Amino acid sequence: MRRVSRVPLAFILSSKNPRPEDKRRLDEFMATFRERSKAKIAKQFPPLVDEVHKENQ
């Protein structure tokens, strides 16, 4: 069974040499953070997302 780290993500971010399992956990969190943020913004502000896509094209 894999050991789950209970170290807060903020502490891992402030650490100069995080343990490999903590670093992996932080990387997994950051990889999904952008997608979750985009989905949340699109849900709250649908017109803004459409305008941003038009400006980028």
PDB file of N, CA and C in Angstrom:
ATOM      1  N   MET A   1       0.840  -1.188   0.000  1.00  0.00           N
ATOM      2  CA  MET A   1       0.000   0.000   0.000  1.00  0.00           C
ATOM      3  C   MET A   1       0.883   1.248   0.000  1.00  0.00           C
ATOM      4  N   ARG A   2       0.528   2.203  -0.827  1.00  0.00           N
ATOM      5  CA  ARG A   2       1.311   3.420  -0.953  1.00  0.00           C
ATOM      6  C   ARG A   2       1.079   4.339   0.232  1.00  0.00           C
ATOM      7  N   ARG A   3       2.162   4.938   0.694  1.00  0.00           N
ATOM      8  CA  ARG A   3       2.045   5.880   1.804  1.00  0.00           C
ATOM      9  C   ARG A   3       1.595   7.237   1.260  1.00  0.00           C
ATOM     10  N   VAL A   4       0.569   7.776   1.853  1.00  0.00           N
ATOM     11  CA  VAL A   4       0.046   9.069   1.412  1.00  0.00           C
ATOM     12  C   VAL A   4       0.611  10.152   2.319  1.00  0.00           C
ATOM     13  N   SER A   5       1.176  11.169   1.696  1.00  0.00           N
ATOM     14  CA  SER A   5       1.760  12.271   2.450  1.00  0.00           C
ATOM     15  C   SER A   5       0.659  13.185   2.970  1.00  0.00           C
ATOM     16  N   ARG A   6       0.792  13.611   4.196  1.00  0.00           N
ATOM     17  CA  ARG A   6      -0.169  14.544   4.794  1.00  0.00           C
ATOM     18  C   ARG A   6       0.420  15.952   4.878  1.00  0.00           C
ATOM     19  N   VAL A   7       1.550  16.165   4.225  1.00  0.00           N
ATOM     20  CA  VAL A   7       2.202  17.468   4.252  1.00  0.00           C
ATOM     21  C   VAL A   7       1.380  18.438   3.396  1.00  0.00           C
ATOM     22  N   PRO A   8       1.054  19.623   3.912  1.00  0.00           N
ATOM     23  CA  PRO A   8       0.291  20.594   3.124  1.00  0.00           C
ATOM     24  C   PRO A   8       1.050  21.021   1.867  1.00  0.00           C
ATOM     25  N   LEU A   9       0.316  21.269   0.784  1.00  0.00           N
ATOM     26  CA  LEU A   9       0.949  21.662  -0.473  1.00  0.00           C
ATOM     27  C   LEU A   9       1.733  22.962  -0.325  1.00  0.00           C
ATOM     28  N   ALA A  10       1.260  23.881   0.496  1.00  0.00           N
ATOM     29  CA  ALA A  10       1.974  25.147   0.701  1.00  0.00           C
ATOM     30  C   ALA A  10       3.353  24.899   1.303  1.00  0.00           C
ATOM     31  N   PHE A  11       3.452  23.926   2.189  1.00  0.00           N
ATOM     32  CA  PHE A  11       4.740  23.603   2.792  1.00  0.00           C
ATOM     33  C   PHE A  11       5.676  22.995   1.752  1.00  0.00           C
ATOM     34  N   ILE A  12       5.134  22.155   0.876  1.00  0.00           N
ATOM     35  CA  ILE A  12       5.955  21.551  -0.179  1.00  0.00           C
ATOM     36  C   ILE A  12       6.478  22.642  -1.103  1.00  0.00           C
ATOM     37  N   LEU A  13       5.629  23.618  -1.429  1.00  0.00           N
ATOM     38  CA  LEU A  13       6.048  24.718  -2.298  1.00  0.00           C
ATOM     39  C   LEU A  13       7.173  25.532  -1.674  1.00  0.00           C
ATOM     40  N   SER A  14       7.128  25.717  -0.362  1.00  0.00           N
ATOM     41  CA  SER A  14       8.140  26.538   0.301  1.00  0.00           C
ATOM     42  C   SER A  14       9.416  25.762   0.603  1.00  0.00           C
ATOM     43  N   SER A  15       9.374  24.456   0.488  1.00  0.00           N
ATOM     44  CA  SER A  15      10.536  23.630   0.790  1.00  0.00           C
ATOM     45  C   SER A  15      11.530  23.658  -0.365  1.00  0.00           C
ATOM     46  N   LYS A  16      12.820  23.777  -0.039  1.00  0.00           N
ATOM     47  CA  LYS A  16      13.840  23.806  -1.093  1.00  0.00           C
ATOM     48  C   LYS A  16      14.088  22.426  -1.678  1.00  0.00           C
ATOM     49  N   ASN A  17      14.017  21.395  -0.854  1.00  0.00           N
ATOM     50  CA  ASN A  17      14.244  20.027  -1.313  1.00  0.00           C
ATOM     51  C   ASN A  17      13.129  19.111  -0.816  1.00  0.00           C
ATOM     52  N   PRO A  18      11.972  19.161  -1.485  1.00  0.00           N
ATOM     53  CA  PRO A  18      10.880  18.292  -1.031  1.00  0.00           C
ATOM     54  C   PRO A  18      11.188  16.826  -1.297  1.00  0.00           C
ATOM     55  N   ARG A  19      10.588  15.969  -0.510  1.00  0.00           N
ATOM     56  CA  ARG A  19      10.770  14.535  -0.723  1.00  0.00           C
ATOM     57  C   ARG A  19      10.163  14.163  -2.072  1.00  0.00           C
ATOM     58  N   PRO A  20      10.686  13.119  -2.722  1.00  0.00           N
ATOM     59  CA  PRO A  20      10.181  12.744  -4.056  1.00  0.00           C
ATOM     60  C   PRO A  20       8.676  12.484  -4.085  1.00  0.00           C
ATOM     61  N   GLU A  21       8.142  11.836  -3.056  1.00  0.00           N
ATOM     62  CA  GLU A  21       6.697  11.565  -3.070  1.00  0.00           C
ATOM     63  C   GLU A  21       5.889  12.852  -2.904  1.00  0.00           C
ATOM     64  N   ASP A  22       6.429  13.823  -2.150  1.00  0.00           N
ATOM     65  CA  ASP A  22       5.743  15.108  -2.009  1.00  0.00           C
ATOM     66  C   ASP A  22       5.807  15.893  -3.317  1.00  0.00           C
ATOM     67  N   LYS A  23       6.959  15.847  -3.969  1.00  0.00           N
ATOM     68  CA  LYS A  23       7.127  16.542  -5.249  1.00  0.00           C
ATOM     69  C   LYS A  23       6.169  15.958  -6.288  1.00  0.00           C
ATOM     70  N   ARG A  24       6.042  14.651  -6.308  1.00  0.00           N
ATOM     71  CA  ARG A  24       5.136  13.981  -7.244  1.00  0.00           C
ATOM     72  C   ARG A  24       3.692  14.406  -6.983  1.00  0.00           C
ATOM     73  N   ARG A  25       3.320  14.487  -5.711  1.00  0.00           N
ATOM     74  CA  ARG A  25       1.963  14.902  -5.339  1.00  0.00           C
ATOM     75  C   ARG A  25       1.693  16.338  -5.781  1.00  0.00           C
ATOM     76  N   LEU A  26       2.673  17.210  -5.598  1.00  0.00           N
ATOM     77  CA  LEU A  26       2.529  18.600  -6.016  1.00  0.00           C
ATOM     78  C   LEU A  26       2.409  18.690  -7.537  1.00  0.00           C
ATOM     79  N   ASP A  27       3.224  17.920  -8.260  1.00  0.00           N
ATOM     80  CA  ASP A  27       3.163  17.928  -9.721  1.00  0.00           C
ATOM     81  C   ASP A  27       1.800  17.461 -10.227  1.00  0.00           C
ATOM     82  N   GLU A  28       1.251  16.423  -9.597  1.00  0.00           N
ATOM     83  CA  GLU A  28      -0.074  15.928  -9.984  1.00  0.00           C
ATOM     84  C   GLU A  28      -1.135  16.994  -9.732  1.00  0.00           C
ATOM     85  N   PHE A  29      -1.027  17.680  -8.606  1.00  0.00           N
ATOM     86  CA  PHE A  29      -1.995  18.726  -8.278  1.00  0.00           C
ATOM     87  C   PHE A  29      -1.925  19.869  -9.292  1.00  0.00           C
ATOM     88  N   MET A  30      -0.714  20.315  -9.605  1.00  0.00           N
ATOM     89  CA  MET A  30      -0.555  21.438 -10.521  1.00  0.00           C
ATOM     90  C   MET A  30      -1.002  21.078 -11.935  1.00  0.00           C
ATOM     91  N   ALA A  31      -0.826  19.821 -12.331  1.00  0.00           N
ATOM     92  CA  ALA A  31      -1.233  19.390 -13.666  1.00  0.00           C
ATOM     93  C   ALA A  31      -2.748  19.481 -13.836  1.00  0.00           C
ATOM     94  N   THR A  32      -3.482  19.203 -12.782  1.00  0.00           N
ATOM     95  CA  THR A  32      -4.945  19.243 -12.882  1.00  0.00           C
ATOM     96  C   THR A  32      -5.515  20.605 -12.484  1.00  0.00           C
ATOM     97  N   PHE A  33      -4.707  21.441 -11.853  1.00  0.00           N
ATOM     98  CA  PHE A  33      -5.195  22.727 -11.355  1.00  0.00           C
ATOM     99  C   PHE A  33      -5.680  23.628 -12.489  1.00  0.00           C
ATOM    100  N   ARG A  34      -4.908  23.694 -13.579  1.00  0.00           N
ATOM    101  CA  ARG A  34      -5.285  24.566 -14.696  1.00  0.00           C
ATOM    102  C   ARG A  34      -6.613  24.151 -15.316  1.00  0.00           C
ATOM    103  N   GLU A  35      -6.791  22.844 -15.527  1.00  0.00           N
ATOM    104  CA  GLU A  35      -8.041  22.372 -16.121  1.00  0.00           C
ATOM    105  C   GLU A  35      -9.229  22.678 -15.206  1.00  0.00           C
ATOM    106  N   ARG A  36      -9.039  22.448 -13.912  1.00  0.00           N
ATOM    107  CA  ARG A  36     -10.127  22.725 -12.968  1.00  0.00           C
ATOM    108  C   ARG A  36     -10.437  24.214 -12.926  1.00  0.00           C
ATOM    109  N   SER A  37      -9.406  25.045 -12.992  1.00  0.00           N
ATOM    110  CA  SER A  37      -9.617  26.497 -12.968  1.00  0.00           C
ATOM    111  C   SER A  37     -10.357  26.959 -14.214  1.00  0.00           C
ATOM    112  N   LYS A  38      -9.959  26.445 -15.374  1.00  0.00           N
ATOM    113  CA  LYS A  38     -10.628  26.828 -16.618  1.00  0.00           C
ATOM    114  C   LYS A  38     -12.093  26.423 -16.591  1.00  0.00           C
ATOM    115  N   ALA A  39     -12.368  25.226 -16.106  1.00  0.00           N
ATOM    116  CA  ALA A  39     -13.752  24.751 -16.040  1.00  0.00           C
ATOM    117  C   ALA A  39     -14.570  25.618 -15.084  1.00  0.00           C
ATOM    118  N   LYS A  40     -13.981  25.982 -13.969  1.00  0.00           N
ATOM    119  CA  LYS A  40     -14.690  26.803 -12.978  1.00  0.00           C
ATOM    120  C   LYS A  40     -14.983  28.196 -13.538  1.00  0.00           C
ATOM    121  N   ILE A  41     -14.005  28.793 -14.217  1.00  0.00           N
ATOM    122  CA  ILE A  41     -14.197  30.123 -14.802  1.00  0.00           C
ATOM    123  C   ILE A  41     -15.247  30.062 -15.909  1.00  0.00           C
ATOM    124  N   ALA A  42     -15.184  29.033 -16.741  1.00  0.00           N
ATOM    125  CA  ALA A  42     -16.157  28.892 -17.829  1.00  0.00           C
ATOM    126  C   ALA A  42     -17.570  28.737 -17.279  1.00  0.00           C
ATOM    127  N   LYS A  43     -17.692  28.053 -16.157  1.00  0.00           N
ATOM    128  CA  LYS A  43     -19.010  27.853 -15.550  1.00  0.00           C
ATOM    129  C   LYS A  43     -19.547  29.167 -14.968  1.00  0.00           C
ATOM    130  N   GLN A  44     -18.672  29.948 -14.352  1.00  0.00           N
ATOM    131  CA  GLN A  44     -19.112  31.193 -13.708  1.00  0.00           C
ATOM    132  C   GLN A  44     -19.294  32.341 -14.695  1.00  0.00           C
ATOM    133  N   PHE A  45     -18.430  32.398 -15.716  1.00  0.00           N
ATOM    134  CA  PHE A  45     -18.439  33.529 -16.649  1.00  0.00           C
ATOM    135  C   PHE A  45     -18.405  33.052 -18.098  1.00  0.00           C
ATOM    136  N   PRO A  46     -19.457  32.428 -18.598  1.00  0.00           N
ATOM    137  CA  PRO A  46     -19.439  31.903 -19.967  1.00  0.00           C
ATOM    138  C   PRO A  46     -19.140  32.955 -21.043  1.00  0.00           C
ATOM    139  N   PRO A  47     -19.702  34.174 -20.980  1.00  0.00           N
ATOM    140  CA  PRO A  47     -19.396  35.149 -22.038  1.00  0.00           C
ATOM    141  C   PRO A  47     -17.921  35.536 -22.089  1.00  0.00           C
ATOM    142  N   LEU A  48     -17.266  35.626 -20.937  1.00  0.00           N
ATOM    143  CA  LEU A  48     -15.855  36.000 -20.916  1.00  0.00           C
ATOM    144  C   LEU A  48     -14.997  34.959 -21.617  1.00  0.00           C
ATOM    145  N   VAL A  49     -15.301  33.700 -21.437  1.00  0.00           N
ATOM    146  CA  VAL A  49     -14.522  32.643 -22.067  1.00  0.00           C
ATOM    147  C   VAL A  49     -14.677  32.720 -23.580  1.00  0.00           C
ATOM    148  N   ASP A  50     -15.891  32.986 -24.070  1.00  0.00           N
ATOM    149  CA  ASP A  50     -16.119  33.104 -25.505  1.00  0.00           C
ATOM    150  C   ASP A  50     -15.341  34.285 -26.086  1.00  0.00           C
ATOM    151  N   GLU A  51     -15.321  35.415 -25.382  1.00  0.00           N
ATOM    152  CA  GLU A  51     -14.603  36.591 -25.860  1.00  0.00           C
ATOM    153  C   GLU A  51     -13.106  36.351 -25.901  1.00  0.00           C
ATOM    154  N   VAL A  52     -12.574  35.664 -24.927  1.00  0.00           N
ATOM    155  CA  VAL A  52     -11.138  35.380 -24.891  1.00  0.00           C
ATOM    156  C   VAL A  52     -10.760  34.497 -26.068  1.00  0.00           C
ATOM    157  N   HIS A  53     -11.590  33.502 -26.378  1.00  0.00           N
ATOM    158  CA  HIS A  53     -11.301  32.620 -27.510  1.00  0.00           C
ATOM    159  C   HIS A  53     -11.322  33.396 -28.826  1.00  0.00           C
ATOM    160  N   LYS A  54     -12.237  34.347 -28.960  1.00  0.00           N
ATOM    161  CA  LYS A  54     -12.313  35.151 -30.181  1.00  0.00           C
ATOM    162  C   LYS A  54     -11.084  36.041 -30.319  1.00  0.00           C
ATOM    163  N   GLU A  55     -10.607  36.608 -29.214  1.00  0.00           N
ATOM    164  CA  GLU A  55      -9.437  37.480 -29.243  1.00  0.00           C
ATOM    165  C   GLU A  55      -8.177  36.703 -29.596  1.00  0.00           C
ATOM    166  N   ASN A  56      -8.083  35.469 -29.149  1.00  0.00           N
ATOM    167  CA  ASN A  56      -6.890  34.664 -29.400  1.00  0.00           C
ATOM    168  C   ASN A  56      -6.832  34.143 -30.828  1.00  0.00           C
ATOM    169  N   GLN A  57      -7.949  34.146 -31.527  1.00  0.00           N
ATOM    170  CA  GLN A  57      -7.956  33.596 -32.897  1.00  0.00           C
ATOM    171  C   GLN A  57      -7.663  34.641 -33.922  1.00  0.00           C
TER     172      GLN A  57
END
